[in-house]
Every structure is written in structure tokens, then in C-alpha cells.
């Protein structure tokens, strides 16, 4: 099963990613913008996700993705680590979030 250390390892593999602690949780930034955090009990993580895509993800895979009420107005979605299929899926989710905030010269 995947865990928070897998999130850390993959997040830090993206160019110019730095780890910071916010709210008592590990967060990962590129160019000063956060793209992933591992909140609370470390069984899930939160990534950036446009709301329309987020709603589609949650509708398609509610066992995997959800949004806490206090984050409903944001462009973030949470994913349960135990529900992910493999490290490649985790990598793809984190990479998508990273690309949303990384400077264009890093993405290309």
C-alpha cells in the first residue's frame, strides 16, 4: 500500500520542488506555490484540481476522491492513498497538480 512517504518521494522528484511545513503538515511547493499537502492522519493527500474536473473525479470514483466541507470552495481535491492502484497513478496525480502551478519553462 502507498503511504505518505511515497507522496514525499514522488513530489520531491519534480523539478524545483521544496518541502515546507504548514498547519503542522508537510506541503510541497514549486515556484512558491503549493501543489500537494499530506494532512491529518497521513492516509490521504490533497492536490490542486479545477472544480469541474474535481466534480467529475468524485462522481466517477467516490471511494478514491473527496472534498471536505471546509475545502468545497477551493480548487483542491483529496485522494485516499489506500484506494490508489499503484505508484504510477500517484505519480500522475501529483504531476498534474505540479503542472498547474509550475512555471512554463519547468513544464516543457
Protein backbone atom coordinates (compact mmCIF):
# COMPACT_ATOMS: atom_id res chain seq x y z
CA UNK A 1 0.00 0.00 0.00
CA UNK A 2 1.13 3.52 -0.76
CA UNK A 3 1.84 5.90 2.10
CA UNK A 4 2.80 9.49 2.88
CA UNK A 5 6.47 8.72 2.27
CA UNK A 6 5.59 7.74 -1.30
CA UNK A 7 3.87 11.12 -1.71
CA UNK A 8 7.00 12.86 -0.37
CA UNK A 9 9.40 10.88 -2.58
CA UNK A 10 7.42 11.46 -5.77
CA UNK A 11 6.64 15.12 -5.04
CA UNK A 12 10.31 15.88 -4.42
CA UNK A 13 11.23 14.22 -7.74
CA UNK A 14 9.65 17.10 -9.69
CA UNK A 15 11.98 19.96 -10.67
CA UNK A 16 12.47 22.74 -8.12
CA UNK A 17 10.06 21.24 -5.60
CA UNK A 18 10.64 22.16 -1.96
CA UNK A 19 9.04 20.75 1.16
CA UNK A 20 7.60 23.11 3.77
CA UNK A 21 5.57 22.57 6.88
CA UNK A 22 2.24 24.41 7.07
CA UNK A 23 -0.55 23.84 9.57
CA UNK A 24 1.58 21.07 11.07
CA UNK A 25 1.52 19.14 7.78
CA UNK A 26 4.11 18.54 5.08
CA UNK A 27 3.41 20.57 1.96
CA UNK A 28 5.23 20.70 -1.36
CA UNK A 29 5.75 23.82 -3.45
CA UNK A 30 7.17 24.79 -6.80
CA UNK A 31 7.97 28.43 -7.51
CA UNK A 32 6.42 29.37 -4.16
CA UNK A 33 3.06 27.76 -4.91
CA UNK A 34 1.77 24.73 -3.07
CA UNK A 35 0.70 21.75 -5.17
CA UNK A 36 0.29 18.96 -2.61
CA UNK A 37 -0.14 18.51 1.12
CA UNK A 38 -0.45 15.47 3.35
CA UNK A 39 -2.98 16.47 6.02
CA UNK A 40 -4.12 14.97 9.30
CA UNK A 41 -3.59 11.25 9.71
CA UNK A 42 -1.43 10.82 6.56
CA UNK A 43 -3.84 8.35 4.93
CA UNK A 44 -4.70 10.83 2.17
CA UNK A 45 -3.26 13.80 0.35
CA UNK A 46 -4.67 16.94 -1.24
CA UNK A 47 -3.81 18.25 -4.70
CA UNK A 48 -4.87 21.10 -6.92
CA UNK A 49 -7.76 20.26 -9.24
CA UNK A 50 -10.04 22.56 -11.22
CA UNK A 51 -13.56 22.34 -9.80
CA UNK A 52 -15.22 20.93 -12.91
CA UNK A 53 -12.62 18.16 -13.13
CA UNK A 54 -12.84 17.64 -9.38
CA UNK A 55 -16.58 17.07 -9.53
CA UNK A 56 -16.10 14.55 -12.35
CA UNK A 57 -13.37 12.71 -10.40
CA UNK A 58 -15.51 12.46 -7.30
CA UNK A 59 -18.56 11.30 -9.28
CA UNK A 60 -16.52 8.65 -11.11
CA UNK A 61 -14.51 7.38 -8.13
CA UNK A 62 -16.05 8.46 -4.81
CA UNK A 63 -14.13 5.73 -2.96
CA UNK A 64 -10.90 7.42 -4.07
CA UNK A 65 -11.58 11.19 -4.22
CA UNK A 66 -13.48 13.58 -1.98
CA UNK A 67 -13.54 17.16 -0.70
CA UNK A 68 -14.02 18.09 2.95
CA UNK A 69 -16.72 20.69 3.52
CA UNK A 70 -14.20 23.35 4.54
CA UNK A 71 -12.44 22.96 1.14
CA UNK A 72 -15.60 22.91 -1.01
CA UNK A 73 -14.95 26.40 -2.42
CA UNK A 74 -11.34 25.66 -3.31
CA UNK A 75 -9.59 24.12 -6.29
CA UNK A 76 -8.34 21.17 -4.24
CA UNK A 77 -9.34 17.52 -4.02
CA UNK A 78 -8.25 14.81 -1.62
CA UNK A 79 -7.31 11.27 -2.55
CA UNK A 80 -7.19 8.23 -0.30
CA UNK A 81 -3.81 6.54 -0.53
CA UNK A 82 -5.24 3.06 0.07
CA UNK A 83 -7.58 3.47 -2.93
CA UNK A 84 -4.83 4.20 -5.45
CA UNK A 85 -3.91 1.39 -7.80
CA UNK A 86 -0.14 1.81 -7.88
CA UNK A 87 2.78 4.28 -7.69
CA UNK A 88 2.23 5.31 -11.32
CA UNK A 89 -1.27 6.54 -10.52
CA UNK A 90 0.08 8.52 -7.57
CA UNK A 91 2.81 9.97 -9.80
CA UNK A 92 0.26 11.01 -12.44
CA UNK A 93 -1.98 12.74 -9.88
CA UNK A 94 0.94 14.62 -8.33
CA UNK A 95 2.39 15.54 -11.72
CA UNK A 96 -0.92 17.01 -12.84
CA UNK A 97 -1.09 19.17 -9.72
CA UNK A 98 2.57 20.21 -10.11
CA UNK A 99 2.00 21.26 -13.75
CA UNK A 100 -0.88 23.52 -12.66
CA UNK A 101 1.48 25.78 -10.70
CA UNK A 102 4.96 25.21 -12.14
CA UNK A 103 6.47 27.93 -14.32
CA UNK A 104 6.12 27.13 -18.03
CA UNK A 105 9.87 26.77 -18.52
CA UNK A 106 9.89 23.88 -16.00
CA UNK A 107 6.92 22.11 -17.53
CA UNK A 108 8.24 21.91 -21.08
